[in-house]
């Protein structure tokens, strides 16, 4: 089954382990932090999760909570584990919906990565 439209796995491809024949996914090239004029910040409060922050940050997307990985990748120091408890007072950098649409999900970027 191919990845969904907003999946981080759009930037992977299927690979077969030469020795075992086991199928898996390639590494993914994250869209790292960039200092863009339409970036926003979010001050973490008690009870915030990456999932509910993504839901508020990207309301025009179907199932916006699934874009948690965009926020993880986009931090100056990327977040490796989306399930960690966020510390109140932490400032997260949130890319704009324009950045997500025009740069992160850019079809040319995906094709360039996939080779």
N, C-alpha and C. Protein backbone atom coordinates (compact mmCIF):
# COMPACT_ATOMS: atom_id res chain seq x y z
N UNK A 1 0.85 -1.17 0.00
CA UNK A 1 0.00 0.00 0.00
C UNK A 1 0.90 1.24 0.00
N UNK A 2 0.66 2.19 -0.90
CA UNK A 2 1.48 3.39 -0.95
C UNK A 2 1.18 4.31 0.23
N UNK A 3 2.14 5.17 0.57
CA UNK A 3 1.91 6.10 1.69
C UNK A 3 0.82 7.10 1.36
N UNK A 4 0.17 7.61 2.40
CA UNK A 4 -0.88 8.61 2.24
C UNK A 4 -0.31 9.95 1.77
N UNK A 5 -1.19 10.84 1.38
CA UNK A 5 -0.80 12.11 0.79
C UNK A 5 0.11 12.97 1.68
N UNK A 6 -0.08 12.94 2.99
CA UNK A 6 0.71 13.79 3.88
C UNK A 6 1.72 12.99 4.70
N UNK A 7 2.05 11.83 4.22
CA UNK A 7 2.93 10.94 4.97
C UNK A 7 4.40 11.32 4.83
N UNK A 8 5.12 11.16 5.91
CA UNK A 8 6.57 11.36 5.86
C UNK A 8 7.24 10.27 5.03
N UNK A 9 6.54 9.18 4.79
CA UNK A 9 7.10 8.08 4.01
C UNK A 9 7.05 8.33 2.50
N UNK A 10 6.49 9.48 2.08
CA UNK A 10 6.58 9.87 0.67
C UNK A 10 8.03 10.08 0.28
N UNK A 11 8.88 10.28 1.27
CA UNK A 11 10.29 10.58 1.02
C UNK A 11 11.17 9.36 1.30
N UNK A 12 10.60 8.19 1.16
CA UNK A 12 11.31 6.91 1.31
C UNK A 12 11.00 6.06 0.09
N UNK A 13 11.74 5.01 -0.05
CA UNK A 13 11.39 4.02 -1.06
C UNK A 13 11.63 2.65 -0.47
N UNK A 14 10.98 1.66 -1.07
CA UNK A 14 11.12 0.30 -0.58
C UNK A 14 12.48 -0.26 -0.97
N UNK A 15 13.10 -0.96 -0.05
CA UNK A 15 14.40 -1.58 -0.32
C UNK A 15 14.36 -3.04 0.14
N UNK A 16 15.15 -3.84 -0.52
CA UNK A 16 15.22 -5.26 -0.17
C UNK A 16 16.62 -5.56 0.31
N UNK A 17 16.71 -6.09 1.53
CA UNK A 17 17.99 -6.48 2.12
C UNK A 17 18.58 -7.58 1.24
N UNK A 18 19.81 -7.36 0.70
CA UNK A 18 20.37 -8.33 -0.24
C UNK A 18 20.61 -9.72 0.35
N UNK A 19 20.98 -9.82 1.61
CA UNK A 19 21.30 -11.12 2.19
C UNK A 19 20.03 -11.87 2.62
N UNK A 20 19.16 -11.18 3.36
CA UNK A 20 17.99 -11.85 3.92
C UNK A 20 16.75 -11.76 3.02
N UNK A 21 16.75 -10.80 2.12
CA UNK A 21 15.58 -10.58 1.28
C UNK A 21 14.47 -9.84 1.99
N UNK A 22 14.73 -9.41 3.23
CA UNK A 22 13.73 -8.70 4.03
C UNK A 22 13.44 -7.34 3.40
N UNK A 23 12.15 -6.98 3.34
CA UNK A 23 11.75 -5.69 2.78
C UNK A 23 11.72 -4.63 3.88
N UNK A 24 12.06 -3.43 3.50
CA UNK A 24 12.05 -2.33 4.46
C UNK A 24 11.96 -1.00 3.73
N UNK A 25 12.13 0.07 4.47
CA UNK A 25 12.10 1.41 3.91
C UNK A 25 13.48 2.03 4.00
N UNK A 26 13.79 2.86 3.02
CA UNK A 26 15.05 3.59 3.04
C UNK A 26 15.00 4.69 4.11
N UNK A 27 16.13 5.29 4.35
CA UNK A 27 16.16 6.47 5.23
C UNK A 27 15.37 7.59 4.56
N UNK A 28 14.92 8.52 5.35
CA UNK A 28 14.13 9.65 4.88
C UNK A 28 14.94 10.93 5.05
N UNK A 29 14.90 11.79 4.06
CA UNK A 29 15.59 13.07 4.14
C UNK A 29 14.64 14.08 4.79
N UNK A 30 14.88 14.46 6.05
CA UNK A 30 13.96 15.39 6.71
C UNK A 30 14.09 16.80 6.15
N UNK A 31 13.02 17.57 6.23
CA UNK A 31 13.04 18.98 5.86
C UNK A 31 13.42 19.74 7.12
N UNK A 32 14.68 20.09 7.22
CA UNK A 32 15.21 20.68 8.45
C UNK A 32 14.86 22.15 8.57
N UNK A 33 15.11 22.68 9.75
CA UNK A 33 14.82 24.08 10.09
C UNK A 33 15.42 25.03 9.06
N UNK A 34 14.63 26.03 8.72
CA UNK A 34 15.07 27.15 7.89
C UNK A 34 14.49 28.41 8.50
N UNK A 35 15.26 29.47 8.50
CA UNK A 35 14.79 30.74 9.03
C UNK A 35 13.97 31.44 7.95
N UNK A 36 12.66 31.23 7.98
CA UNK A 36 11.76 31.77 6.97
C UNK A 36 10.90 32.87 7.59
N UNK A 37 10.53 33.88 6.80
CA UNK A 37 9.78 35.01 7.36
C UNK A 37 8.40 34.64 7.90
N UNK A 38 7.80 33.55 7.41
CA UNK A 38 6.47 33.21 7.90
C UNK A 38 6.47 32.06 8.91
N UNK A 39 7.64 31.73 9.45
CA UNK A 39 7.68 30.79 10.57
C UNK A 39 6.91 31.36 11.74
N UNK A 40 6.35 30.50 12.54
CA UNK A 40 5.69 30.91 13.77
C UNK A 40 6.37 30.20 14.93
N UNK A 41 6.08 30.65 16.12
CA UNK A 41 6.57 29.95 17.30
C UNK A 41 5.38 29.54 18.15
N UNK A 42 5.60 28.52 18.96
CA UNK A 42 4.58 28.05 19.89
C UNK A 42 5.25 27.83 21.23
N UNK A 43 4.71 28.47 22.25
CA UNK A 43 5.20 28.27 23.62
C UNK A 43 4.43 27.10 24.21
N UNK A 44 5.14 26.03 24.52
CA UNK A 44 4.52 24.81 25.04
C UNK A 44 3.92 25.08 26.42
N UNK A 45 2.68 24.62 26.59
CA UNK A 45 2.01 24.68 27.89
C UNK A 45 1.71 23.26 28.34
N UNK A 46 1.42 23.10 29.61
CA UNK A 46 1.11 21.80 30.18
C UNK A 46 -0.01 21.13 29.38
N UNK A 47 0.19 19.90 28.98
CA UNK A 47 -0.81 19.15 28.23
C UNK A 47 -0.61 19.17 26.73
N UNK A 48 0.28 20.04 26.24
CA UNK A 48 0.56 20.07 24.80
C UNK A 48 1.25 18.79 24.37
N UNK A 49 0.90 18.32 23.18
CA UNK A 49 1.62 17.24 22.53
C UNK A 49 1.93 17.70 21.11
N UNK A 50 2.87 17.04 20.48
CA UNK A 50 3.18 17.39 19.09
C UNK A 50 1.96 17.17 18.20
N UNK A 51 1.13 16.22 18.56
CA UNK A 51 -0.04 15.89 17.77
C UNK A 51 -1.09 17.00 17.85
N UNK A 52 -1.39 17.50 19.07
CA UNK A 52 -2.41 18.55 19.15
C UNK A 52 -1.87 19.90 18.69
N UNK A 53 -0.56 20.12 18.79
CA UNK A 53 0.02 21.36 18.23
C UNK A 53 -0.10 21.33 16.71
N UNK A 54 0.20 20.19 16.09
CA UNK A 54 0.08 20.07 14.63
C UNK A 54 -1.37 20.27 14.19
N UNK A 55 -2.29 19.76 14.98
CA UNK A 55 -3.71 19.91 14.64
C UNK A 55 -4.11 21.38 14.59
N UNK A 56 -3.60 22.16 15.52
CA UNK A 56 -3.91 23.60 15.54
C UNK A 56 -3.11 24.37 14.49
N UNK A 57 -1.90 23.91 14.20
CA UNK A 57 -1.01 24.64 13.29
C UNK A 57 -1.37 24.46 11.82
N UNK A 58 -1.95 23.30 11.47
CA UNK A 58 -2.21 22.99 10.06
C UNK A 58 -3.67 22.61 9.82
N UNK A 59 -4.60 23.52 10.15
CA UNK A 59 -6.03 23.17 10.10
C UNK A 59 -6.57 22.87 8.71
N UNK A 60 -5.92 23.32 7.66
CA UNK A 60 -6.47 23.10 6.32
C UNK A 60 -6.17 21.70 5.78
N UNK A 61 -5.35 20.93 6.49
CA UNK A 61 -5.02 19.58 6.05
C UNK A 61 -6.00 18.57 6.61
N UNK A 62 -6.26 17.53 5.83
CA UNK A 62 -7.06 16.42 6.32
C UNK A 62 -6.20 15.69 7.35
N UNK A 63 -6.74 15.44 8.51
CA UNK A 63 -6.02 14.79 9.62
C UNK A 63 -4.70 15.51 9.95
N UNK A 64 -4.80 16.79 10.33
CA UNK A 64 -3.59 17.59 10.57
C UNK A 64 -2.70 17.08 11.69
N UNK A 65 -3.25 16.32 12.64
CA UNK A 65 -2.41 15.80 13.72
C UNK A 65 -1.33 14.87 13.17
N UNK A 66 -1.58 14.30 11.99
CA UNK A 66 -0.61 13.42 11.36
C UNK A 66 0.61 14.15 10.84
N UNK A 67 0.59 15.47 10.88
CA UNK A 67 1.76 16.26 10.45
C UNK A 67 2.69 16.60 11.61
N UNK A 68 2.55 15.88 12.72
CA UNK A 68 3.44 16.08 13.87
C UNK A 68 4.90 16.00 13.45
N UNK A 69 5.20 15.12 12.50
CA UNK A 69 6.59 14.90 12.07
C UNK A 69 7.18 16.13 11.41
N UNK A 70 6.34 16.99 10.81
CA UNK A 70 6.83 18.24 10.20
C UNK A 70 7.42 19.12 11.30
N UNK A 71 6.71 19.22 12.41
CA UNK A 71 7.19 20.03 13.54
C UNK A 71 8.46 19.42 14.12
N UNK A 72 8.49 18.10 14.28
CA UNK A 72 9.69 17.42 14.80
C UNK A 72 10.91 17.74 13.94
N UNK A 73 10.78 17.57 12.63
CA UNK A 73 11.91 17.80 11.71
C UNK A 73 12.34 19.25 11.69
N UNK A 74 11.40 20.18 11.84
CA UNK A 74 11.66 21.60 11.59
C UNK A 74 12.32 22.33 12.75
N UNK A 75 12.55 21.68 13.86
CA UNK A 75 13.17 22.36 15.00
C UNK A 75 14.66 22.59 14.72
N UNK A 76 15.24 23.68 15.27
CA UNK A 76 16.69 23.87 15.11
C UNK A 76 17.48 22.64 15.56
N UNK A 77 17.01 21.98 16.61
CA UNK A 77 17.54 20.66 17.00
C UNK A 77 16.35 19.71 16.83
N UNK A 78 16.32 18.93 15.73
CA UNK A 78 15.15 18.10 15.45
C UNK A 78 14.78 17.19 16.62
N UNK A 79 13.48 16.99 16.77
CA UNK A 79 12.96 16.10 17.81
C UNK A 79 12.96 14.69 17.24
N UNK A 80 13.63 13.78 17.90
CA UNK A 80 13.76 12.41 17.41
C UNK A 80 12.61 11.51 17.82
N UNK A 81 11.97 11.81 18.93
CA UNK A 81 10.90 10.96 19.44
C UNK A 81 9.65 11.80 19.67
N UNK A 82 8.66 11.61 18.80
CA UNK A 82 7.43 12.41 18.88
C UNK A 82 6.58 12.08 20.09
N UNK A 83 6.90 11.01 20.79
CA UNK A 83 6.09 10.62 21.95
C UNK A 83 6.60 11.20 23.26
N UNK A 84 7.72 11.93 23.21
CA UNK A 84 8.25 12.50 24.46
C UNK A 84 7.27 13.54 25.01
N UNK A 85 7.30 13.68 26.31
CA UNK A 85 6.48 14.71 26.95
C UNK A 85 7.16 16.05 26.74
N UNK A 86 6.42 17.00 26.20
CA UNK A 86 6.98 18.34 25.96
C UNK A 86 7.06 19.10 27.27
N UNK A 87 8.13 19.84 27.44
CA UNK A 87 8.36 20.60 28.67
C UNK A 87 7.71 21.97 28.54
N UNK A 88 6.77 22.30 29.44
CA UNK A 88 6.18 23.63 29.41
C UNK A 88 7.26 24.72 29.43
N UNK A 89 7.04 25.75 28.61
CA UNK A 89 8.01 26.83 28.49
C UNK A 89 8.93 26.66 27.30
N UNK A 90 8.98 25.47 26.71
CA UNK A 90 9.79 25.24 25.52
C UNK A 90 9.16 25.99 24.35
N UNK A 91 10.00 26.58 23.51
CA UNK A 91 9.51 27.27 22.32
C UNK A 91 9.78 26.38 21.10
N UNK A 92 8.71 26.06 20.37
CA UNK A 92 8.83 25.28 19.14
C UNK A 92 8.67 26.21 17.94
N UNK A 93 9.40 25.94 16.89
CA UNK A 93 9.26 26.69 15.65
C UNK A 93 8.32 25.90 14.75
N UNK A 94 7.30 26.58 14.24
CA UNK A 94 6.28 25.94 13.41
C UNK A 94 6.37 26.54 12.00
N UNK A 95 6.58 25.70 10.98
CA UNK A 95 6.57 26.24 9.62
C UNK A 95 5.15 26.64 9.23
N UNK A 96 5.03 27.59 8.34
CA UNK A 96 3.70 28.01 7.87
C UNK A 96 3.09 26.93 7.00
N UNK A 97 1.78 27.01 6.82
CA UNK A 97 1.12 26.07 5.92
C UNK A 97 1.65 26.25 4.50
N UNK A 98 2.03 27.46 4.13
CA UNK A 98 2.62 27.70 2.81
C UNK A 98 3.92 26.92 2.66
N UNK A 99 4.77 26.94 3.69
CA UNK A 99 6.02 26.19 3.66
C UNK A 99 5.76 24.70 3.52
N UNK A 100 4.79 24.21 4.28
CA UNK A 100 4.45 22.79 4.20
C UNK A 100 4.00 22.43 2.79
N UNK A 101 3.09 23.22 2.25
CA UNK A 101 2.53 22.93 0.93
C UNK A 101 3.55 23.11 -0.19
N UNK A 102 4.25 24.25 -0.20
CA UNK A 102 5.11 24.60 -1.33
C UNK A 102 6.53 24.03 -1.24
N UNK A 103 7.02 23.76 -0.05
CA UNK A 103 8.39 23.30 0.07
C UNK A 103 8.51 21.88 0.60
N UNK A 104 7.84 21.58 1.70
CA UNK A 104 7.99 20.25 2.29
C UNK A 104 7.35 19.19 1.39
N UNK A 105 6.12 19.43 0.93
CA UNK A 105 5.45 18.46 0.07
C UNK A 105 5.64 18.77 -1.42
N UNK A 106 6.69 19.47 -1.75
CA UNK A 106 6.99 19.81 -3.13
C UNK A 106 7.31 18.54 -3.91
N UNK A 107 6.59 18.33 -4.99
CA UNK A 107 6.77 17.11 -5.79
C UNK A 107 8.19 16.97 -6.33
N UNK A 108 8.80 18.08 -6.73
CA UNK A 108 10.17 18.03 -7.24
C UNK A 108 11.13 17.57 -6.13
N UNK A 109 10.92 18.04 -4.92
CA UNK A 109 11.77 17.60 -3.79
C UNK A 109 11.65 16.09 -3.59
N UNK A 110 10.43 15.59 -3.63
CA UNK A 110 10.21 14.16 -3.45
C UNK A 110 10.88 13.36 -4.56
N UNK A 111 10.72 13.81 -5.81
CA UNK A 111 11.32 13.09 -6.93
C UNK A 111 12.85 13.17 -6.88
N UNK A 112 13.39 14.34 -6.50
CA UNK A 112 14.85 14.48 -6.37
C UNK A 112 15.39 13.52 -5.33
N UNK A 113 14.65 13.37 -4.22
CA UNK A 113 15.12 12.48 -3.17
C UNK A 113 15.06 11.03 -3.62
N UNK A 114 13.97 10.68 -4.29
CA UNK A 114 13.81 9.28 -4.70
C UNK A 114 14.74 8.89 -5.84
N UNK A 115 15.35 9.90 -6.45
CA UNK A 115 16.31 9.60 -7.50
C UNK A 115 15.63 9.32 -8.78
